[in-house]
């Protein structure tokens, strides 16, 4: 579908006709976010590095689970932020509206809060075993 109509789907307001179509639309959203959103790519890389570091440090499975959840939360919020910005732009076009600015700023702030919390969680989980490897030479 994507190759035939260059990424535009006709009848985008319609419910997906089957499960594979639902997955296809979701993948298109991920591809769009990856291709167009610098912050999404950055968060994906930083989150991936945190997870690789957690595996290398042999974190407990629950600690790895917490890392996965926090990375996923940041990525999900970035996707929602992107969707909300597109919806606001669609609704108001190129006009300025103070409520549109508030909506966009608050959505971006939600991503920022999640990213800061994620960094703190990663620091709390990764620092002790990393310090132990550095000092202990393990």
C-alpha atoms as a PDB file:
ATOM      1  CA  UNK A   1       0.000   0.000   0.000  1.00  0.00           C
ATOM      2  CA  UNK A   2       2.750   2.421   0.930  1.00  0.00           C
ATOM      3  CA  UNK A   3       4.628   2.047  -2.339  1.00  0.00           C
ATOM      4  CA  UNK A   4       1.529   2.483  -4.480  1.00  0.00           C
ATOM      5  CA  UNK A   5       0.318   5.744  -2.964  1.00  0.00           C
ATOM      6  CA  UNK A   6       3.548   7.093  -1.449  1.00  0.00           C
ATOM      7  CA  UNK A   7       2.573   6.616   2.203  1.00  0.00           C
ATOM      8  CA  UNK A   8      -0.876   8.215   1.996  1.00  0.00           C
ATOM      9  CA  UNK A   9      -3.686   5.928   2.864  1.00  0.00           C
ATOM     10  CA  UNK A  10      -7.060   6.564   1.390  1.00  0.00           C
ATOM     11  CA  UNK A  11      -9.958   6.505   3.769  1.00  0.00           C
ATOM     12  CA  UNK A  12      -7.708   7.122   6.782  1.00  0.00           C
ATOM     13  CA  UNK A  13     -10.810   7.761   8.857  1.00  0.00           C
ATOM     14  CA  UNK A  14     -11.945   4.148   8.398  1.00  0.00           C
ATOM     15  CA  UNK A  15     -11.271   1.371  10.863  1.00  0.00           C
ATOM     16  CA  UNK A  16      -8.619  -1.094   9.726  1.00  0.00           C
ATOM     17  CA  UNK A  17     -10.268  -3.977   7.924  1.00  0.00           C
ATOM     18  CA  UNK A  18      -8.168  -6.683   9.610  1.00  0.00           C
ATOM     19  CA  UNK A  19      -5.341  -7.286  12.083  1.00  0.00           C
ATOM     20  CA  UNK A  20      -2.510  -7.222   9.504  1.00  0.00           C
ATOM     21  CA  UNK A  21      -3.780  -3.847   8.263  1.00  0.00           C
ATOM     22  CA  UNK A  22      -3.775  -2.533  11.848  1.00  0.00           C
ATOM     23  CA  UNK A  23      -0.163  -3.603  12.258  1.00  0.00           C
ATOM     24  CA  UNK A  24       0.738  -2.076   8.897  1.00  0.00           C
ATOM     25  CA  UNK A  25      -0.697   1.288   9.971  1.00  0.00           C
ATOM     26  CA  UNK A  26       1.170   1.098  13.287  1.00  0.00           C
ATOM     27  CA  UNK A  27       4.440   0.327  11.507  1.00  0.00           C
ATOM     28  CA  UNK A  28       3.802   3.263   9.162  1.00  0.00           C
ATOM     29  CA  UNK A  29       3.478   5.468  12.249  1.00  0.00           C
ATOM     30  CA  UNK A  30       6.796   4.194  13.624  1.00  0.00           C
ATOM     31  CA  UNK A  31       8.492   4.707  10.271  1.00  0.00           C
ATOM     32  CA  UNK A  32       7.090   8.237  10.049  1.00  0.00           C
ATOM     33  CA  UNK A  33       8.257   9.097  13.575  1.00  0.00           C
ATOM     34  CA  UNK A  34      11.706   7.645  12.956  1.00  0.00           C
ATOM     35  CA  UNK A  35      12.081   9.451   9.626  1.00  0.00           C
ATOM     36  CA  UNK A  36      10.705  12.823  10.690  1.00  0.00           C
ATOM     37  CA  UNK A  37      11.273  13.242  14.427  1.00  0.00           C
ATOM     38  CA  UNK A  38      14.848  13.907  15.553  1.00  0.00           C
ATOM     39  CA  UNK A  39      13.894  13.511  19.225  1.00  0.00           C
ATOM     40  CA  UNK A  40      12.347  10.094  18.579  1.00  0.00           C
ATOM     41  CA  UNK A  41      15.577   8.902  16.968  1.00  0.00           C
ATOM     42  CA  UNK A  42      17.660  10.341  19.811  1.00  0.00           C
ATOM     43  CA  UNK A  43      15.433   8.759  22.464  1.00  0.00           C
ATOM     44  CA  UNK A  44      15.566   5.434  20.637  1.00  0.00           C
ATOM     45  CA  UNK A  45      19.370   5.505  20.528  1.00  0.00           C
ATOM     46  CA  UNK A  46      19.798   6.595  24.160  1.00  0.00           C
ATOM     47  CA  UNK A  47      17.218   4.060  25.329  1.00  0.00           C
ATOM     48  CA  UNK A  48      18.874   1.322  23.292  1.00  0.00           C
ATOM     49  CA  UNK A  49      22.260   2.188  24.777  1.00  0.00           C
ATOM     50  CA  UNK A  50      20.812   2.055  28.295  1.00  0.00           C
ATOM     51  CA  UNK A  51      19.335  -1.375  27.591  1.00  0.00           C
ATOM     52  CA  UNK A  52      22.584  -2.686  26.079  1.00  0.00           C
ATOM     53  CA  UNK A  53      24.496  -1.336  29.067  1.00  0.00           C
ATOM     54  CA  UNK A  54      21.998  -2.998  31.397  1.00  0.00           C
ATOM     55  CA  UNK A  55      22.502  -6.328  29.641  1.00  0.00           C
ATOM     56  CA  UNK A  56      26.292  -5.929  29.718  1.00  0.00           C
ATOM     57  CA  UNK A  57      26.163  -5.151  33.436  1.00  0.00           C
ATOM     58  CA  UNK A  58      23.926  -8.195  33.948  1.00  0.00           C
ATOM     59  CA  UNK A  59      21.154  -6.312  35.685  1.00  0.00           C
ATOM     60  CA  UNK A  60      18.478  -8.400  37.356  1.00  0.00           C
ATOM     61  CA  UNK A  61      15.539  -9.183  35.085  1.00  0.00           C
ATOM     62  CA  UNK A  62      13.246  -6.862  37.089  1.00  0.00           C
ATOM     63  CA  UNK A  63      15.707  -3.997  36.736  1.00  0.00           C
ATOM     64  CA  UNK A  64      15.889  -4.615  32.989  1.00  0.00           C
ATOM     65  CA  UNK A  65      12.099  -4.648  32.944  1.00  0.00           C
ATOM     66  CA  UNK A  66      12.010  -1.244  34.616  1.00  0.00           C
ATOM     67  CA  UNK A  67      14.472   0.081  32.027  1.00  0.00           C
ATOM     68  CA  UNK A  68      12.365  -1.303  29.168  1.00  0.00           C
ATOM     69  CA  UNK A  69       9.206   0.251  30.611  1.00  0.00           C
ATOM     70  CA  UNK A  70      10.789   3.653  31.079  1.00  0.00           C
ATOM     71  CA  UNK A  71      12.307   3.685  27.588  1.00  0.00           C
ATOM     72  CA  UNK A  72       8.981   2.560  26.135  1.00  0.00           C
ATOM     73  CA  UNK A  73       7.106   5.253  28.083  1.00  0.00           C
ATOM     74  CA  UNK A  74       9.308   7.985  26.623  1.00  0.00           C
ATOM     75  CA  UNK A  75       8.908   6.622  23.084  1.00  0.00           C
ATOM     76  CA  UNK A  76       5.138   6.258  23.485  1.00  0.00           C
ATOM     77  CA  UNK A  77       4.835   9.818  24.759  1.00  0.00           C
ATOM     78  CA  UNK A  78       6.957  11.077  21.856  1.00  0.00           C
ATOM     79  CA  UNK A  79       4.635   9.280  19.419  1.00  0.00           C
ATOM     80  CA  UNK A  80       1.580  10.789  21.143  1.00  0.00           C
ATOM     81  CA  UNK A  81       3.221  14.216  21.074  1.00  0.00           C
ATOM     82  CA  UNK A  82       3.837  13.864  17.339  1.00  0.00           C
ATOM     83  CA  UNK A  83       0.243  12.753  16.742  1.00  0.00           C
ATOM     84  CA  UNK A  84      -1.157  15.589  18.839  1.00  0.00           C
ATOM     85  CA  UNK A  85       0.959  18.179  17.041  1.00  0.00           C
ATOM     86  CA  UNK A  86      -0.227  16.871  13.675  1.00  0.00           C
ATOM     87  CA  UNK A  87      -3.862  16.971  14.815  1.00  0.00           C
ATOM     88  CA  UNK A  88      -3.513  20.541  16.097  1.00  0.00           C
ATOM     89  CA  UNK A  89      -1.824  21.608  12.859  1.00  0.00           C
ATOM     90  CA  UNK A  90      -4.607  19.956  10.883  1.00  0.00           C
ATOM     91  CA  UNK A  91      -7.254  21.752  12.931  1.00  0.00           C
ATOM     92  CA  UNK A  92      -5.778  25.257  12.828  1.00  0.00           C
ATOM     93  CA  UNK A  93      -3.636  25.200   9.706  1.00  0.00           C
ATOM     94  CA  UNK A  94      -0.947  27.887   9.607  1.00  0.00           C
ATOM     95  CA  UNK A  95      -2.793  30.175  11.991  1.00  0.00           C
ATOM     96  CA  UNK A  96      -1.536  30.994  15.469  1.00  0.00           C
ATOM     97  CA  UNK A  97      -3.806  30.212  18.367  1.00  0.00           C
ATOM     98  CA  UNK A  98      -2.758  30.492  22.026  1.00  0.00           C
ATOM     99  CA  UNK A  99      -4.592  27.271  22.928  1.00  0.00           C
ATOM    100  CA  UNK A 100      -2.745  25.394  20.180  1.00  0.00           C
ATOM    101  CA  UNK A 101       0.541  26.643  21.625  1.00  0.00           C
ATOM    102  CA  UNK A 102      -0.494  25.506  25.108  1.00  0.00           C
ATOM    103  CA  UNK A 103      -1.489  22.070  23.815  1.00  0.00           C
ATOM    104  CA  UNK A 104       1.795  21.631  21.974  1.00  0.00           C
ATOM    105  CA  UNK A 105       3.916  22.961  24.834  1.00  0.00           C
ATOM    106  CA  UNK A 106       2.203  20.757  27.425  1.00  0.00           C
ATOM    107  CA  UNK A 107       2.531  17.708  25.194  1.00  0.00           C
ATOM    108  CA  UNK A 108       6.230  18.390  24.739  1.00  0.00           C
ATOM    109  CA  UNK A 109       6.568  18.942  28.490  1.00  0.00           C
ATOM    110  CA  UNK A 110       5.057  15.506  29.135  1.00  0.00           C
ATOM    111  CA  UNK A 111       7.776  13.955  26.985  1.00  0.00           C
ATOM    112  CA  UNK A 112      10.426  16.002  28.782  1.00  0.00           C
ATOM    113  CA  UNK A 113       9.227  14.921  32.229  1.00  0.00           C
ATOM    114  CA  UNK A 114       9.188  11.268  31.155  1.00  0.00           C
ATOM    115  CA  UNK A 115      12.651  11.571  29.583  1.00  0.00           C
ATOM    116  CA  UNK A 116      14.100  13.153  32.740  1.00  0.00           C
ATOM    117  CA  UNK A 117      12.528  10.464  34.924  1.00  0.00           C
ATOM    118  CA  UNK A 118      13.835   7.800  32.566  1.00  0.00           C
ATOM    119  CA  UNK A 119      17.345   9.213  32.783  1.00  0.00           C
ATOM    120  CA  UNK A 120      17.149   9.267  36.584  1.00  0.00           C
ATOM    121  CA  UNK A 121      15.916   5.671  36.678  1.00  0.00           C
ATOM    122  CA  UNK A 122      18.703   4.601  34.314  1.00  0.00           C
ATOM    123  CA  UNK A 123      21.236   6.405  36.484  1.00  0.00           C
ATOM    124  CA  UNK A 124      19.929   4.735  39.643  1.00  0.00           C
ATOM    125  CA  UNK A 125      19.921   1.272  38.068  1.00  0.00           C
ATOM    126  CA  UNK A 126      23.127   1.456  36.034  1.00  0.00           C
ATOM    127  CA  UNK A 127      25.472   3.472  38.252  1.00  0.00           C
ATOM    128  CA  UNK A 128      26.063   0.969  41.076  1.00  0.00           C
ATOM    129  CA  UNK A 129      27.013  -2.009  38.873  1.00  0.00           C
ATOM    130  CA  UNK A 130      28.983   0.224  36.505  1.00  0.00           C
ATOM    131  CA  UNK A 131      30.894   1.714  39.440  1.00  0.00           C
ATOM    132  CA  UNK A 132      31.530  -1.791  40.733  1.00  0.00           C
ATOM    133  CA  UNK A 133      32.993  -2.825  37.369  1.00  0.00           C
ATOM    134  CA  UNK A 134      35.202   0.242  37.228  1.00  0.00           C
ATOM    135  CA  UNK A 135      36.449   0.050  40.818  1.00  0.00           C
ATOM    136  CA  UNK A 136      36.365  -3.724  41.203  1.00  0.00           C
ATOM    137  CA  UNK A 137      37.834  -4.415  37.796  1.00  0.00           C
ATOM    138  CA  UNK A 138      35.304  -7.182  37.175  1.00  0.00           C
END
